[in-house]
Amino acid sequence: MDVRSWRGLAVVLIIVVLSAVGASAESGTKSLIINPNPKSDLQVRLWTDKGTSDPSYRVGENVQLYFEVSENAYVTIFDINAAGKVTKLFPNSHQPDNYARKNRIYRVPDKYDIIAAPPTGEENLLIVATRNKPIDYPELLRENGLERLLSRLQRRLSLSGEDWAMDLCLLRIEPARRQTITY
């Protein structure tokens, strides 16, 4: 298969995956591996401290992420909040080294906090592992929503010839609990 065939297969796979995730969002949160390159042995997995079955966090609650790669790779984690805003969670100023060794579990954040914040609703965490060089596409942070981010990211990775893998972890941000004061 040539690059165009792979790209077409990747787009179809993403559409099917996003449809399946959307259909199952009410029944529970899923983690799935996105890698349209069957020749690649690179895999990446992302999960939260509350697992992958139904992670839900209240506004103000600490969020802990974990990841691992099957082969040494550079890792980038994007957060797409309920309003569609894209933020790069990892690497960052506290954890600038994004080179991960195979079969080792990494924790994000390490020595700082990630706090659940509004807007409430479904939040997507996208992890991308690349074998040869880190992702450095600042324009991705201007995208709005998961589908647009995935489309542009996969296009850039395909054109670069990079060996890559992705995983998507969905979680829910709930409103903070009301504080009651008793006299």
C-alpha atoms as a PDB file:
ATOM      1  CA  MET A   1       0.000   0.000   0.000  1.00  0.00           C
ATOM      2  CA  ASP A   2       1.200   3.497  -0.774  1.00  0.00           C
ATOM      3  CA  VAL A   3       1.042   6.508   1.543  1.00  0.00           C
ATOM      4  CA  ARG A   4      -2.338   7.670   0.160  1.00  0.00           C
ATOM      5  CA  SER A   5      -3.897   4.263   0.838  1.00  0.00           C
ATOM      6  CA  TRP A   6      -2.575   4.303   4.398  1.00  0.00           C
ATOM      7  CA  ARG A   7      -3.824   7.834   4.892  1.00  0.00           C
ATOM      8  CA  GLY A   8      -7.276   6.870   3.607  1.00  0.00           C
ATOM      9  CA  LEU A   9      -7.319   3.822   5.867  1.00  0.00           C
ATOM     10  CA  ALA A  10      -6.310   6.005   8.827  1.00  0.00           C
ATOM     11  CA  VAL A  11      -9.123   8.483   8.183  1.00  0.00           C
ATOM     12  CA  VAL A  12     -11.718   5.694   7.876  1.00  0.00           C
ATOM     13  CA  LEU A  13     -10.399   4.059  11.054  1.00  0.00           C
ATOM     14  CA  ILE A  14     -10.583   7.323  12.988  1.00  0.00           C
ATOM     15  CA  ILE A  15     -14.159   7.982  11.839  1.00  0.00           C
ATOM     16  CA  VAL A  16     -15.212   4.463  12.861  1.00  0.00           C
ATOM     17  CA  VAL A  17     -13.426   4.764  16.202  1.00  0.00           C
ATOM     18  CA  LEU A  18     -14.908   8.186  16.956  1.00  0.00           C
ATOM     19  CA  SER A  19     -18.376   6.912  16.063  1.00  0.00           C
ATOM     20  CA  ALA A  20     -17.953   3.927  18.368  1.00  0.00           C
ATOM     21  CA  VAL A  21     -16.646   6.117  21.178  1.00  0.00           C
ATOM     22  CA  GLY A  22     -19.547   8.543  20.765  1.00  0.00           C
ATOM     23  CA  ALA A  23     -22.065   5.712  20.802  1.00  0.00           C
ATOM     24  CA  SER A  24     -20.607   4.214  23.960  1.00  0.00           C
ATOM     25  CA  ALA A  25     -19.982   7.455  25.866  1.00  0.00           C
ATOM     26  CA  GLU A  26     -23.079   7.019  28.010  1.00  0.00           C
ATOM     27  CA  SER A  27     -22.346   3.428  28.954  1.00  0.00           C
ATOM     28  CA  GLY A  28     -18.817   4.062  30.162  1.00  0.00           C
ATOM     29  CA  THR A  29     -15.497   5.568  29.198  1.00  0.00           C
ATOM     30  CA  LYS A  30     -13.133   3.641  26.985  1.00  0.00           C
ATOM     31  CA  SER A  31      -9.456   3.719  26.204  1.00  0.00           C
ATOM     32  CA  LEU A  32      -8.529   2.677  22.708  1.00  0.00           C
ATOM     33  CA  ILE A  33      -5.393   2.306  20.662  1.00  0.00           C
ATOM     34  CA  ILE A  34      -5.226   4.247  17.413  1.00  0.00           C
ATOM     35  CA  ASN A  35      -2.524   2.970  15.080  1.00  0.00           C
ATOM     36  CA  PRO A  36      -3.356   2.421  11.416  1.00  0.00           C
ATOM     37  CA  ASN A  37       0.115   1.049  10.647  1.00  0.00           C
ATOM     38  CA  PRO A  38      -0.066  -2.747  11.062  1.00  0.00           C
ATOM     39  CA  LYS A  39       3.649  -3.072  10.252  1.00  0.00           C
ATOM     40  CA  SER A  40       4.544  -1.016  13.313  1.00  0.00           C
ATOM     41  CA  ASP A  41       5.214  -2.719  16.613  1.00  0.00           C
ATOM     42  CA  LEU A  42       5.068   0.625  18.447  1.00  0.00           C
ATOM     43  CA  GLN A  43       2.146   0.848  20.872  1.00  0.00           C
ATOM     44  CA  VAL A  44       1.267   3.367  23.555  1.00  0.00           C
ATOM     45  CA  ARG A  45      -1.259   3.168  26.369  1.00  0.00           C
ATOM     46  CA  LEU A  46      -2.698   5.956  28.564  1.00  0.00           C
ATOM     47  CA  TRP A  47      -4.869   5.615  31.677  1.00  0.00           C
ATOM     48  CA  THR A  48      -5.839   7.591  34.787  1.00  0.00           C
ATOM     49  CA  ASP A  49      -5.533   6.852  38.493  1.00  0.00           C
ATOM     50  CA  LYS A  50      -9.234   5.929  38.286  1.00  0.00           C
ATOM     51  CA  GLY A  51      -8.600   3.403  35.525  1.00  0.00           C
ATOM     52  CA  THR A  52     -10.167   3.422  32.080  1.00  0.00           C
ATOM     53  CA  SER A  53     -13.674   2.105  32.706  1.00  0.00           C
ATOM     54  CA  ASP A  54     -15.324   5.321  33.929  1.00  0.00           C
ATOM     55  CA  PRO A  55     -12.893   7.971  35.136  1.00  0.00           C
ATOM     56  CA  SER A  56     -14.810  10.945  36.489  1.00  0.00           C
ATOM     57  CA  TYR A  57     -13.291  13.939  38.283  1.00  0.00           C
ATOM     58  CA  ARG A  58     -14.905  16.833  40.127  1.00  0.00           C
ATOM     59  CA  VAL A  59     -13.725  20.381  39.422  1.00  0.00           C
ATOM     60  CA  GLY A  60     -10.829  21.006  41.824  1.00  0.00           C
ATOM     61  CA  GLU A  61      -9.844  17.331  42.100  1.00  0.00           C
ATOM     62  CA  ASN A  62      -6.307  16.143  41.283  1.00  0.00           C
ATOM     63  CA  VAL A  63      -5.946  14.135  38.064  1.00  0.00           C
ATOM     64  CA  GLN A  64      -3.152  11.579  37.754  1.00  0.00           C
ATOM     65  CA  LEU A  65      -2.192  10.052  34.380  1.00  0.00           C
ATOM     66  CA  TYR A  66      -0.045   7.037  33.574  1.00  0.00           C
ATOM     67  CA  PHE A  67       1.400   5.819  30.301  1.00  0.00           C
ATOM     68  CA  GLU A  68       3.705   3.224  28.837  1.00  0.00           C
ATOM     69  CA  VAL A  69       5.197   2.481  25.409  1.00  0.00           C
ATOM     70  CA  SER A  70       6.079  -0.877  23.868  1.00  0.00           C
ATOM     71  CA  GLU A  71       9.263   0.529  22.280  1.00  0.00           C
ATOM     72  CA  ASN A  72      11.456   3.502  23.185  1.00  0.00           C
ATOM     73  CA  ALA A  73       9.664   6.601  21.883  1.00  0.00           C
ATOM     74  CA  TYR A  74       8.958  10.293  22.297  1.00  0.00           C
ATOM     75  CA  VAL A  75       5.603  10.928  23.967  1.00  0.00           C
ATOM     76  CA  THR A  76       3.226  13.892  23.765  1.00  0.00           C
ATOM     77  CA  ILE A  77      -0.104  14.146  25.623  1.00  0.00           C
ATOM     78  CA  PHE A  78      -2.842  16.520  24.455  1.00  0.00           C
ATOM     79  CA  ASP A  79      -5.929  17.475  26.452  1.00  0.00           C
ATOM     80  CA  ILE A  80      -9.080  18.392  24.525  1.00  0.00           C
ATOM     81  CA  ASN A  81     -11.605  19.847  26.975  1.00  0.00           C
ATOM     82  CA  ALA A  82     -15.404  19.786  26.661  1.00  0.00           C
ATOM     83  CA  ALA A  83     -15.339  23.095  24.744  1.00  0.00           C
ATOM     84  CA  GLY A  84     -12.833  21.669  22.227  1.00  0.00           C
ATOM     85  CA  LYS A  85      -9.798  23.663  23.422  1.00  0.00           C
ATOM     86  CA  VAL A  86      -6.523  21.800  22.848  1.00  0.00           C
ATOM     87  CA  THR A  87      -3.732  21.985  25.441  1.00  0.00           C
ATOM     88  CA  LYS A  88      -0.429  20.124  25.507  1.00  0.00           C
ATOM     89  CA  LEU A  89      -0.140  18.471  28.940  1.00  0.00           C
ATOM     90  CA  PHE A  90       3.155  16.667  28.365  1.00  0.00           C
ATOM     91  CA  PRO A  91       5.993  17.489  27.900  1.00  0.00           C
ATOM     92  CA  ASN A  92       5.880  20.700  29.901  1.00  0.00           C
ATOM     93  CA  SER A  93       8.150  22.971  31.943  1.00  0.00           C
ATOM     94  CA  HIS A  94       8.005  20.576  34.938  1.00  0.00           C
ATOM     95  CA  GLN A  95       8.574  17.428  32.864  1.00  0.00           C
ATOM     96  CA  PRO A  96      10.450  18.566  29.738  1.00  0.00           C
ATOM     97  CA  ASP A  97      11.978  15.175  28.840  1.00  0.00           C
ATOM     98  CA  ASN A  98       9.431  13.253  26.791  1.00  0.00           C
ATOM     99  CA  TYR A  99      11.677  10.337  25.775  1.00  0.00           C
ATOM    100  CA  ALA A 100      10.110   7.205  27.257  1.00  0.00           C
ATOM    101  CA  ARG A 101      11.774   3.821  27.604  1.00  0.00           C
ATOM    102  CA  LYS A 102       9.849   0.710  26.650  1.00  0.00           C
ATOM    103  CA  ASN A 103       7.855  -1.277  29.215  1.00  0.00           C
ATOM    104  CA  ARG A 104       8.240   1.340  31.946  1.00  0.00           C
ATOM    105  CA  ILE A 105       5.242   3.082  33.523  1.00  0.00           C
ATOM    106  CA  TYR A 106       5.437   6.882  33.609  1.00  0.00           C
ATOM    107  CA  ARG A 107       3.355   9.248  35.740  1.00  0.00           C
ATOM    108  CA  VAL A 108       2.089  12.681  34.733  1.00  0.00           C
ATOM    109  CA  PRO A 109       2.183  14.904  36.664  1.00  0.00           C
ATOM    110  CA  ASP A 110       5.320  14.158  38.606  1.00  0.00           C
ATOM    111  CA  LYS A 111       6.120  16.669  41.388  1.00  0.00           C
ATOM    112  CA  TYR A 112       3.289  19.071  40.411  1.00  0.00           C
ATOM    113  CA  ASP A 113      -0.519  18.902  40.172  1.00  0.00           C
ATOM    114  CA  ILE A 114      -3.041  18.717  37.362  1.00  0.00           C
ATOM    115  CA  ILE A 115      -6.380  19.959  38.681  1.00  0.00           C
ATOM    116  CA  ALA A 116      -9.718  19.218  36.980  1.00  0.00           C
ATOM    117  CA  ALA A 117     -11.168  22.518  35.782  1.00  0.00           C
ATOM    118  CA  PRO A 118     -14.229  23.764  33.889  1.00  0.00           C
ATOM    119  CA  PRO A 119     -15.767  23.405  31.417  1.00  0.00           C
ATOM    120  CA  THR A 120     -17.539  20.326  32.705  1.00  0.00           C
ATOM    121  CA  GLY A 121     -18.394  17.438  30.413  1.00  0.00           C
ATOM    122  CA  GLU A 122     -16.446  14.898  28.401  1.00  0.00           C
ATOM    123  CA  GLU A 123     -12.724  15.502  28.128  1.00  0.00           C
ATOM    124  CA  ASN A 124     -10.378  13.654  25.761  1.00  0.00           C
ATOM    125  CA  LEU A 125      -6.752  12.870  26.467  1.00  0.00           C
ATOM    126  CA  LEU A 126      -4.754  11.938  23.374  1.00  0.00           C
ATOM    127  CA  ILE A 127      -1.296  10.413  23.731  1.00  0.00           C
ATOM    128  CA  VAL A 128       1.019  10.186  20.726  1.00  0.00           C
ATOM    129  CA  ALA A 129       4.248   8.187  20.638  1.00  0.00           C
ATOM    130  CA  THR A 130       6.782   8.754  17.858  1.00  0.00           C
ATOM    131  CA  ARG A 131       9.853   6.622  17.405  1.00  0.00           C
ATOM    132  CA  ASN A 132      12.397   9.019  15.826  1.00  0.00           C
ATOM    133  CA  LYS A 133      11.718  12.591  16.918  1.00  0.00           C
ATOM    134  CA  PRO A 134       9.366  14.472  19.238  1.00  0.00           C
ATOM    135  CA  ILE A 135       6.225  16.149  17.928  1.00  0.00           C
ATOM    136  CA  ASP A 136       6.835  19.859  17.476  1.00  0.00           C
ATOM    137  CA  TYR A 137       3.766  21.228  15.709  1.00  0.00           C
ATOM    138  CA  PRO A 138       2.699  24.328  17.702  1.00  0.00           C
ATOM    139  CA  GLU A 139      -0.150  25.012  15.259  1.00  0.00           C
ATOM    140  CA  LEU A 140      -1.952  21.945  16.639  1.00  0.00           C
ATOM    141  CA  LEU A 141      -2.762  23.926  19.788  1.00  0.00           C
ATOM    142  CA  ARG A 142      -4.916  26.265  17.682  1.00  0.00           C
ATOM    143  CA  GLU A 143      -7.179  23.403  16.546  1.00  0.00           C
ATOM    144  CA  ASN A 144     -10.667  23.114  17.999  1.00  0.00           C
ATOM    145  CA  GLY A 145     -11.900  19.643  18.927  1.00  0.00           C
ATOM    146  CA  LEU A 146     -10.618  16.104  18.798  1.00  0.00           C
ATOM    147  CA  GLU A 147     -11.537  15.331  15.186  1.00  0.00           C
ATOM    148  CA  ARG A 148      -9.683  18.357  13.793  1.00  0.00           C
ATOM    149  CA  LEU A 149      -6.653  17.661  15.995  1.00  0.00           C
ATOM    150  CA  LEU A 150      -6.521  14.014  14.910  1.00  0.00           C
ATOM    151  CA  SER A 151      -6.932  14.904  11.247  1.00  0.00           C
ATOM    152  CA  ARG A 152      -4.140  17.452  11.210  1.00  0.00           C
ATOM    153  CA  LEU A 153      -1.833  15.403  13.440  1.00  0.00           C
ATOM    154  CA  GLN A 154      -2.176  12.244  11.372  1.00  0.00           C
ATOM    155  CA  ARG A 155      -1.632  14.204   8.158  1.00  0.00           C
ATOM    156  CA  ARG A 156       1.594  15.705   9.546  1.00  0.00           C
ATOM    157  CA  LEU A 157       2.847  12.364  10.869  1.00  0.00           C
ATOM    158  CA  SER A 158       2.070  10.560   7.599  1.00  0.00           C
ATOM    159  CA  LEU A 159       3.894  13.187   5.549  1.00  0.00           C
ATOM    160  CA  SER A 160       6.917  12.997   7.852  1.00  0.00           C
ATOM    161  CA  GLY A 161       7.217   9.218   7.432  1.00  0.00           C
ATOM    162  CA  GLU A 162       7.391   8.899  11.221  1.00  0.00           C
ATOM    163  CA  ASP A 163       6.546   5.613  12.952  1.00  0.00           C
ATOM    164  CA  TRP A 164       3.809   6.487  15.461  1.00  0.00           C
ATOM    165  CA  ALA A 165       1.044   5.190  17.693  1.00  0.00           C
ATOM    166  CA  MET A 166      -1.807   6.848  19.598  1.00  0.00           C
ATOM    167  CA  ASP A 167      -4.180   6.082  22.428  1.00  0.00           C
ATOM    168  CA  LEU A 168      -7.252   8.004  23.506  1.00  0.00           C
ATOM    169  CA  CYS A 169      -8.512   8.158  27.081  1.00  0.00           C
ATOM    170  CA  LEU A 170     -11.900   9.715  27.768  1.00  0.00           C
ATOM    171  CA  LEU A 171     -12.880  11.115  31.135  1.00  0.00           C
ATOM    172  CA  ARG A 172     -15.681  13.208  32.547  1.00  0.00           C
ATOM    173  CA  ILE A 173     -15.296  16.485  34.421  1.00  0.00           C
ATOM    174  CA  GLU A 174     -18.167  16.974  36.880  1.00  0.00           C
ATOM    175  CA  PRO A 175     -19.144  20.167  38.748  1.00  0.00           C
ATOM    176  CA  ALA A 176     -17.557  20.689  42.144  1.00  0.00           C
ATOM    177  CA  ARG A 177     -19.561  19.484  45.119  1.00  0.00           C
ATOM    178  CA  ARG A 178     -21.494  22.221  46.825  1.00  0.00           C
ATOM    179  CA  GLN A 179     -20.117  23.141  50.183  1.00  0.00           C
ATOM    180  CA  THR A 180     -22.717  23.212  52.921  1.00  0.00           C
ATOM    181  CA  ILE A 181     -22.155  25.233  56.012  1.00  0.00           C
ATOM    182  CA  THR A 182     -23.951  24.207  59.179  1.00  0.00           C
ATOM    183  CA  TYR A 183     -24.364  26.543  62.126  1.00  0.00           C
END
